Amino acid sequence: MADYQEMDVQTPEVVALLSKIAACAEANGLAKAAVYMPGILKSLQIKRMGASDKFRTFASEAEARAWLEE
């Protein structure tokens, strides 16, 4: 789980790097990654990082934790 509440919208280069990191994590057994943050633009950037069944964004920490515990 990651708290991106304070993270700014990132450049395409940063999103590309995060996508590579996400692919590496998934290849090494990542089951789920939950990110909570406000804002649609930041959420869309995170969704581009990986498969929607593995990487999801949430408006609150409670929602993120609930999904991780499923």
PDB file of N, CA and C in Angstrom:
ATOM      1  N   MET A   1       0.849  -1.158   0.000  1.00  0.00           N
ATOM      2  CA  MET A   1       0.000   0.000   0.000  1.00  0.00           C
ATOM      3  C   MET A   1       0.901   1.230   0.000  1.00  0.00           C
ATOM      4  N   ALA A   2       0.471   2.237  -0.743  1.00  0.00           N
ATOM      5  CA  ALA A   2       1.223   3.481  -0.817  1.00  0.00           C
ATOM      6  C   ALA A   2       0.297   4.662  -0.584  1.00  0.00           C
ATOM      7  N   ASP A   3       0.802   5.637   0.144  1.00  0.00           N
ATOM      8  CA  ASP A   3       0.081   6.877   0.410  1.00  0.00           C
ATOM      9  C   ASP A   3       0.649   7.946  -0.525  1.00  0.00           C
ATOM     10  N   TYR A   4      -0.113   8.299  -1.549  1.00  0.00           N
ATOM     11  CA  TYR A   4       0.323   9.302  -2.520  1.00  0.00           C
ATOM     12  C   TYR A   4      -0.450  10.604  -2.349  1.00  0.00           C
ATOM     13  N   GLN A   5      -0.959  10.860  -1.174  1.00  0.00           N
ATOM     14  CA  GLN A   5      -1.724  12.078  -0.943  1.00  0.00           C
ATOM     15  C   GLN A   5      -0.901  13.332  -1.211  1.00  0.00           C
ATOM     16  N   GLU A   6       0.379  13.294  -0.915  1.00  0.00           N
ATOM     17  CA  GLU A   6       1.240  14.461  -1.076  1.00  0.00           C
ATOM     18  C   GLU A   6       2.017  14.443  -2.395  1.00  0.00           C
ATOM     19  N   MET A   7       1.879  13.396  -3.176  1.00  0.00           N
ATOM     20  CA  MET A   7       2.627  13.290  -4.427  1.00  0.00           C
ATOM     21  C   MET A   7       2.018  14.197  -5.493  1.00  0.00           C
ATOM     22  N   ASP A   8       2.875  14.896  -6.204  1.00  0.00           N
ATOM     23  CA  ASP A   8       2.423  15.745  -7.298  1.00  0.00           C
ATOM     24  C   ASP A   8       2.209  14.908  -8.552  1.00  0.00           C
ATOM     25  N   VAL A   9       1.524  15.479  -9.531  1.00  0.00           N
ATOM     26  CA  VAL A   9       1.407  14.851 -10.840  1.00  0.00           C
ATOM     27  C   VAL A   9       2.820  14.722 -11.397  1.00  0.00           C
ATOM     28  N   GLN A  10       3.132  13.579 -11.966  1.00  0.00           N
ATOM     29  CA  GLN A  10       4.483  13.284 -12.413  1.00  0.00           C
ATOM     30  C   GLN A  10       4.657  13.489 -13.918  1.00  0.00           C
ATOM     31  N   THR A  11       5.917  13.651 -14.316  1.00  0.00           N
ATOM     32  CA  THR A  11       6.249  13.776 -15.738  1.00  0.00           C
ATOM     33  C   THR A  11       6.100  12.412 -16.406  1.00  0.00           C
ATOM     34  N   PRO A  12       5.967  12.383 -17.728  1.00  0.00           N
ATOM     35  CA  PRO A  12       5.897  11.092 -18.434  1.00  0.00           C
ATOM     36  C   PRO A  12       7.108  10.202 -18.160  1.00  0.00           C
ATOM     37  N   GLU A  13       8.272  10.804 -17.971  1.00  0.00           N
ATOM     38  CA  GLU A  13       9.483  10.019 -17.698  1.00  0.00           C
ATOM     39  C   GLU A  13       9.387   9.305 -16.350  1.00  0.00           C
ATOM     40  N   VAL A  14       8.862   9.986 -15.353  1.00  0.00           N
ATOM     41  CA  VAL A  14       8.707   9.375 -14.029  1.00  0.00           C
ATOM     42  C   VAL A  14       7.668   8.259 -14.089  1.00  0.00           C
ATOM     43  N   VAL A  15       6.577   8.491 -14.793  1.00  0.00           N
ATOM     44  CA  VAL A  15       5.545   7.456 -14.937  1.00  0.00           C
ATOM     45  C   VAL A  15       6.134   6.234 -15.644  1.00  0.00           C
ATOM     46  N   ALA A  16       6.962   6.449 -16.659  1.00  0.00           N
ATOM     47  CA  ALA A  16       7.598   5.332 -17.363  1.00  0.00           C
ATOM     48  C   ALA A  16       8.506   4.544 -16.419  1.00  0.00           C
ATOM     49  N   LEU A  17       9.257   5.241 -15.579  1.00  0.00           N
ATOM     50  CA  LEU A  17      10.126   4.564 -14.608  1.00  0.00           C
ATOM     51  C   LEU A  17       9.298   3.783 -13.595  1.00  0.00           C
ATOM     52  N   LEU A  18       8.243   4.389 -13.093  1.00  0.00           N
ATOM     53  CA  LEU A  18       7.370   3.685 -12.144  1.00  0.00           C
ATOM     54  C   LEU A  18       6.733   2.456 -12.795  1.00  0.00           C
ATOM     55  N   SER A  19       6.430   2.538 -14.072  1.00  0.00           N
ATOM     56  CA  SER A  19       5.863   1.386 -14.791  1.00  0.00           C
ATOM     57  C   SER A  19       6.861   0.243 -14.856  1.00  0.00           C
ATOM     58  N   LYS A  20       8.137   0.570 -15.072  1.00  0.00           N
ATOM     59  CA  LYS A  20       9.184  -0.466 -15.097  1.00  0.00           C
ATOM     60  C   LYS A  20       9.326  -1.117 -13.724  1.00  0.00           C
ATOM     61  N   ILE A  21       9.273  -0.297 -12.696  1.00  0.00           N
ATOM     62  CA  ILE A  21       9.362  -0.827 -11.327  1.00  0.00           C
ATOM     63  C   ILE A  21       8.168  -1.729 -11.038  1.00  0.00           C
ATOM     64  N   ALA A  22       6.985  -1.310 -11.458  1.00  0.00           N
ATOM     65  CA  ALA A  22       5.779  -2.111 -11.249  1.00  0.00           C
ATOM     66  C   ALA A  22       5.878  -3.442 -11.978  1.00  0.00           C
ATOM     67  N   ALA A  23       6.387  -3.434 -13.203  1.00  0.00           N
ATOM     68  CA  ALA A  23       6.541  -4.678 -13.964  1.00  0.00           C
ATOM     69  C   ALA A  23       7.527  -5.608 -13.277  1.00  0.00           C
ATOM     70  N   CYS A  24       8.596  -5.062 -12.758  1.00  0.00           N
ATOM     71  CA  CYS A  24       9.583  -5.874 -12.034  1.00  0.00           C
ATOM     72  C   CYS A  24       8.964  -6.466 -10.775  1.00  0.00           C
ATOM     73  N   ALA A  25       8.219  -5.661 -10.040  1.00  0.00           N
ATOM     74  CA  ALA A  25       7.564  -6.157  -8.822  1.00  0.00           C
ATOM     75  C   ALA A  25       6.580  -7.273  -9.150  1.00  0.00           C
ATOM     76  N   GLU A  26       5.816  -7.086 -10.218  1.00  0.00           N
ATOM     77  CA  GLU A  26       4.850  -8.112 -10.618  1.00  0.00           C
ATOM     78  C   GLU A  26       5.561  -9.390 -11.038  1.00  0.00           C
ATOM     79  N   ALA A  27       6.644  -9.269 -11.769  1.00  0.00           N
ATOM     80  CA  ALA A  27       7.412 -10.441 -12.205  1.00  0.00           C
ATOM     81  C   ALA A  27       8.015 -11.198 -11.031  1.00  0.00           C
ATOM     82  N   ASN A  28       8.197 -10.500  -9.913  1.00  0.00           N
ATOM     83  CA  ASN A  28       8.778 -11.118  -8.729  1.00  0.00           C
ATOM     84  C   ASN A  28       7.752 -11.476  -7.670  1.00  0.00           C
ATOM     85  N   GLY A  29       6.471 -11.560  -8.089  1.00  0.00           N
ATOM     86  CA  GLY A  29       5.455 -12.095  -7.200  1.00  0.00           C
ATOM     87  C   GLY A  29       4.499 -11.110  -6.555  1.00  0.00           C
ATOM     88  N   LEU A  30       4.518  -9.860  -6.952  1.00  0.00           N
ATOM     89  CA  LEU A  30       3.569  -8.902  -6.387  1.00  0.00           C
ATOM     90  C   LEU A  30       2.140  -9.382  -6.610  1.00  0.00           C
ATOM     91  N   ALA A  31       1.363  -9.450  -5.548  1.00  0.00           N
ATOM     92  CA  ALA A  31      -0.031  -9.886  -5.662  1.00  0.00           C
ATOM     93  C   ALA A  31      -0.956  -8.704  -5.895  1.00  0.00           C
ATOM     94  N   LYS A  32      -0.775  -7.639  -5.126  1.00  0.00           N
ATOM     95  CA  LYS A  32      -1.629  -6.454  -5.227  1.00  0.00           C
ATOM     96  C   LYS A  32      -0.846  -5.222  -4.806  1.00  0.00           C
ATOM     97  N   ALA A  33      -1.208  -4.097  -5.397  1.00  0.00           N
ATOM     98  CA  ALA A  33      -0.644  -2.808  -4.996  1.00  0.00           C
ATOM     99  C   ALA A  33      -1.783  -1.809  -4.904  1.00  0.00           C
ATOM    100  N   ALA A  34      -2.022  -1.307  -3.724  1.00  0.00           N
ATOM    101  CA  ALA A  34      -3.092  -0.336  -3.499  1.00  0.00           C
ATOM    102  C   ALA A  34      -2.470   1.025  -3.220  1.00  0.00           C
ATOM    103  N   VAL A  35      -2.985   2.034  -3.893  1.00  0.00           N
ATOM    104  CA  VAL A  35      -2.501   3.404  -3.718  1.00  0.00           C
ATOM    105  C   VAL A  35      -3.690   4.272  -3.364  1.00  0.00           C
ATOM    106  N   TYR A  36      -3.568   5.040  -2.290  1.00  0.00           N
ATOM    107  CA  TYR A  36      -4.655   5.966  -2.001  1.00  0.00           C
ATOM    108  C   TYR A  36      -4.170   7.391  -2.173  1.00  0.00           C
ATOM    109  N   MET A  37      -5.043   8.184  -2.818  1.00  0.00           N
ATOM    110  CA  MET A  37      -4.708   9.550  -3.179  1.00  0.00           C
ATOM    111  C   MET A  37      -5.947  10.310  -3.597  1.00  0.00           C
ATOM    112  N   PRO A  38      -5.920  11.602  -3.456  1.00  0.00           N
ATOM    113  CA  PRO A  38      -6.989  12.418  -4.038  1.00  0.00           C
ATOM    114  C   PRO A  38      -6.621  12.769  -5.473  1.00  0.00           C
ATOM    115  N   GLY A  39      -7.582  13.023  -6.301  1.00  0.00           N
ATOM    116  CA  GLY A  39      -7.322  13.554  -7.632  1.00  0.00           C
ATOM    117  C   GLY A  39      -7.371  12.536  -8.743  1.00  0.00           C
ATOM    118  N   ILE A  40      -8.104  12.868  -9.771  1.00  0.00           N
ATOM    119  CA  ILE A  40      -8.274  11.986 -10.920  1.00  0.00           C
ATOM    120  C   ILE A  40      -6.994  11.860 -11.739  1.00  0.00           C
ATOM    121  N   LEU A  41      -6.283  12.957 -11.982  1.00  0.00           N
ATOM    122  CA  LEU A  41      -5.094  12.906 -12.828  1.00  0.00           C
ATOM    123  C   LEU A  41      -4.027  12.003 -12.243  1.00  0.00           C
ATOM    124  N   LYS A  42      -3.775  12.139 -10.944  1.00  0.00           N
ATOM    125  CA  LYS A  42      -2.788  11.265 -10.308  1.00  0.00           C
ATOM    126  C   LYS A  42      -3.248   9.820 -10.360  1.00  0.00           C
ATOM    127  N   SER A  43      -4.534   9.600 -10.170  1.00  0.00           N
ATOM    128  CA  SER A  43      -5.080   8.251 -10.222  1.00  0.00           C
ATOM    129  C   SER A  43      -4.887   7.639 -11.607  1.00  0.00           C
ATOM    130  N   LEU A  44      -5.118   8.413 -12.645  1.00  0.00           N
ATOM    131  CA  LEU A  44      -4.931   7.914 -14.011  1.00  0.00           C
ATOM    132  C   LEU A  44      -3.474   7.557 -14.270  1.00  0.00           C
ATOM    133  N   GLN A  45      -2.549   8.343 -13.735  1.00  0.00           N
ATOM    134  CA  GLN A  45      -1.140   8.030 -13.903  1.00  0.00           C
ATOM    135  C   GLN A  45      -0.797   6.685 -13.266  1.00  0.00           C
ATOM    136  N   ILE A  46      -1.299   6.448 -12.081  1.00  0.00           N
ATOM    137  CA  ILE A  46      -1.010   5.189 -11.392  1.00  0.00           C
ATOM    138  C   ILE A  46      -1.618   4.018 -12.147  1.00  0.00           C
ATOM    139  N   LYS A  47      -2.802   4.192 -12.682  1.00  0.00           N
ATOM    140  CA  LYS A  47      -3.460   3.107 -13.416  1.00  0.00           C
ATOM    141  C   LYS A  47      -2.669   2.688 -14.647  1.00  0.00           C
ATOM    142  N   ARG A  48      -1.864   3.577 -15.188  1.00  0.00           N
ATOM    143  CA  ARG A  48      -1.032   3.231 -16.342  1.00  0.00           C
ATOM    144  C   ARG A  48       0.176   2.396 -15.946  1.00  0.00           C
ATOM    145  N   MET A  49       0.451   2.279 -14.669  1.00  0.00           N
ATOM    146  CA  MET A  49       1.630   1.550 -14.202  1.00  0.00           C
ATOM    147  C   MET A  49       1.516   0.046 -14.362  1.00  0.00           C
ATOM    148  N   GLY A  50       0.314  -0.497 -14.287  1.00  0.00           N
ATOM    149  CA  GLY A  50       0.210  -1.941 -14.328  1.00  0.00           C
ATOM    150  C   GLY A  50      -1.205  -2.424 -14.536  1.00  0.00           C
ATOM    151  N   ALA A  51      -1.331  -3.726 -14.531  1.00  0.00           N
ATOM    152  CA  ALA A  51      -2.638  -4.362 -14.759  1.00  0.00           C
ATOM    153  C   ALA A  51      -3.643  -3.921 -13.701  1.00  0.00           C
ATOM    154  N   SER A  52      -4.875  -3.663 -14.129  1.00  0.00           N
ATOM    155  CA  SER A  52      -5.888  -3.160 -13.199  1.00  0.00           C
ATOM    156  C   SER A  52      -6.247  -4.167 -12.113  1.00  0.00           C
ATOM    157  N   ASP A  53      -5.994  -5.445 -12.358  1.00  0.00           N
ATOM    158  CA  ASP A  53      -6.283  -6.425 -11.312  1.00  0.00           C
ATOM    159  C   ASP A  53      -5.193  -6.431 -10.237  1.00  0.00           C
ATOM    160  N   LYS A  54      -4.044  -5.832 -10.507  1.00  0.00           N
ATOM    161  CA  LYS A  54      -2.946  -5.788  -9.539  1.00  0.00           C
ATOM    162  C   LYS A  54      -2.749  -4.399  -8.936  1.00  0.00           C
ATOM    163  N   PHE A  55      -2.965  -3.359  -9.711  1.00  0.00           N
ATOM    164  CA  PHE A  55      -2.738  -1.983  -9.280  1.00  0.00           C
ATOM    165  C   PHE A  55      -4.059  -1.235  -9.263  1.00  0.00           C
ATOM    166  N   ARG A  56      -4.461  -0.800  -8.091  1.00  0.00           N
ATOM    167  CA  ARG A  56      -5.709  -0.042  -7.981  1.00  0.00           C
ATOM    168  C   ARG A  56      -5.495   1.191  -7.118  1.00  0.00           C
ATOM    169  N   THR A  57      -6.291   2.213  -7.427  1.00  0.00           N
ATOM    170  CA  THR A  57      -6.222   3.445  -6.653  1.00  0.00           C
ATOM    171  C   THR A  57      -7.513   3.611  -5.856  1.00  0.00           C
ATOM    172  N   PHE A  58      -7.379   4.276  -4.719  1.00  0.00           N
ATOM    173  CA  PHE A  58      -8.503   4.455  -3.810  1.00  0.00           C
ATOM    174  C   PHE A  58      -8.500   5.868  -3.243  1.00  0.00           C
ATOM    175  N   ALA A  59      -9.670   6.335  -2.875  1.00  0.00           N
ATOM    176  CA  ALA A  59      -9.812   7.679  -2.310  1.00  0.00           C
ATOM    177  C   ALA A  59      -9.426   7.727  -0.836  1.00  0.00           C
ATOM    178  N   SER A  60      -9.388   6.554  -0.186  1.00  0.00           N
ATOM    179  CA  SER A  60      -9.060   6.553   1.244  1.00  0.00           C
ATOM    180  C   SER A  60      -8.202   5.344   1.606  1.00  0.00           C
ATOM    181  N   GLU A  61      -7.501   5.476   2.712  1.00  0.00           N
ATOM    182  CA  GLU A  61      -6.688   4.366   3.213  1.00  0.00           C
ATOM    183  C   GLU A  61      -7.561   3.172   3.586  1.00  0.00           C
ATOM    184  N   ALA A  62      -8.727   3.426   4.159  1.00  0.00           N
ATOM    185  CA  ALA A  62      -9.617   2.338   4.569  1.00  0.00           C
ATOM    186  C   ALA A  62     -10.050   1.499   3.364  1.00  0.00           C
ATOM    187  N   GLU A  63     -10.390   2.153   2.260  1.00  0.00           N
ATOM    188  CA  GLU A  63     -10.777   1.419   1.044  1.00  0.00           C
ATOM    189  C   GLU A  63      -9.602   0.599   0.510  1.00  0.00           C
ATOM    190  N   ALA A  64      -8.417   1.182   0.539  1.00  0.00           N
ATOM    191  CA  ALA A  64      -7.228   0.476   0.061  1.00  0.00           C
ATOM    192  C   ALA A  64      -6.960  -0.764   0.906  1.00  0.00           C
ATOM    193  N   ARG A  65      -7.016  -0.607   2.223  1.00  0.00           N
ATOM    194  CA  ARG A  65      -6.774  -1.752   3.117  1.00  0.00           C
ATOM    195  C   ARG A  65      -7.820  -2.847   2.934  1.00  0.00           C
ATOM    196  N   ALA A  66      -9.076  -2.446   2.766  1.00  0.00           N
ATOM    197  CA  ALA A  66     -10.140  -3.441   2.571  1.00  0.00           C
ATOM    198  C   ALA A  66      -9.893  -4.261   1.319  1.00  0.00           C
ATOM    199  N   TRP A  67      -9.473  -3.608   0.223  1.00  0.00           N
ATOM    200  CA  TRP A  67      -9.215  -4.349  -1.025  1.00  0.00           C
ATOM    201  C   TRP A  67      -8.013  -5.276  -0.861  1.00  0.00           C
ATOM    202  N   LEU A  68      -6.972  -4.824  -0.175  1.00  0.00           N
ATOM    203  CA  LEU A  68      -5.790  -5.671   0.034  1.00  0.00           C
ATOM    204  C   LEU A  68      -6.117  -6.903   0.873  1.00  0.00           C
ATOM    205  N   GLU A  69      -7.091  -6.780   1.755  1.00  0.00           N
ATOM    206  CA  GLU A  69      -7.441  -7.888   2.639  1.00  0.00           C
ATOM    207  C   GLU A  69      -8.404  -8.883   1.996  1.00  0.00           C
ATOM    208  N   GLU A  70      -8.929  -8.568   0.814  1.00  0.00           N
ATOM    209  CA  GLU A  70      -9.851  -9.501   0.136  1.00  0.00           C
ATOM    210  C   GLU A  70      -9.145 -10.776  -0.260  1.00  0.00           C
TER     211      GLU A  70
END
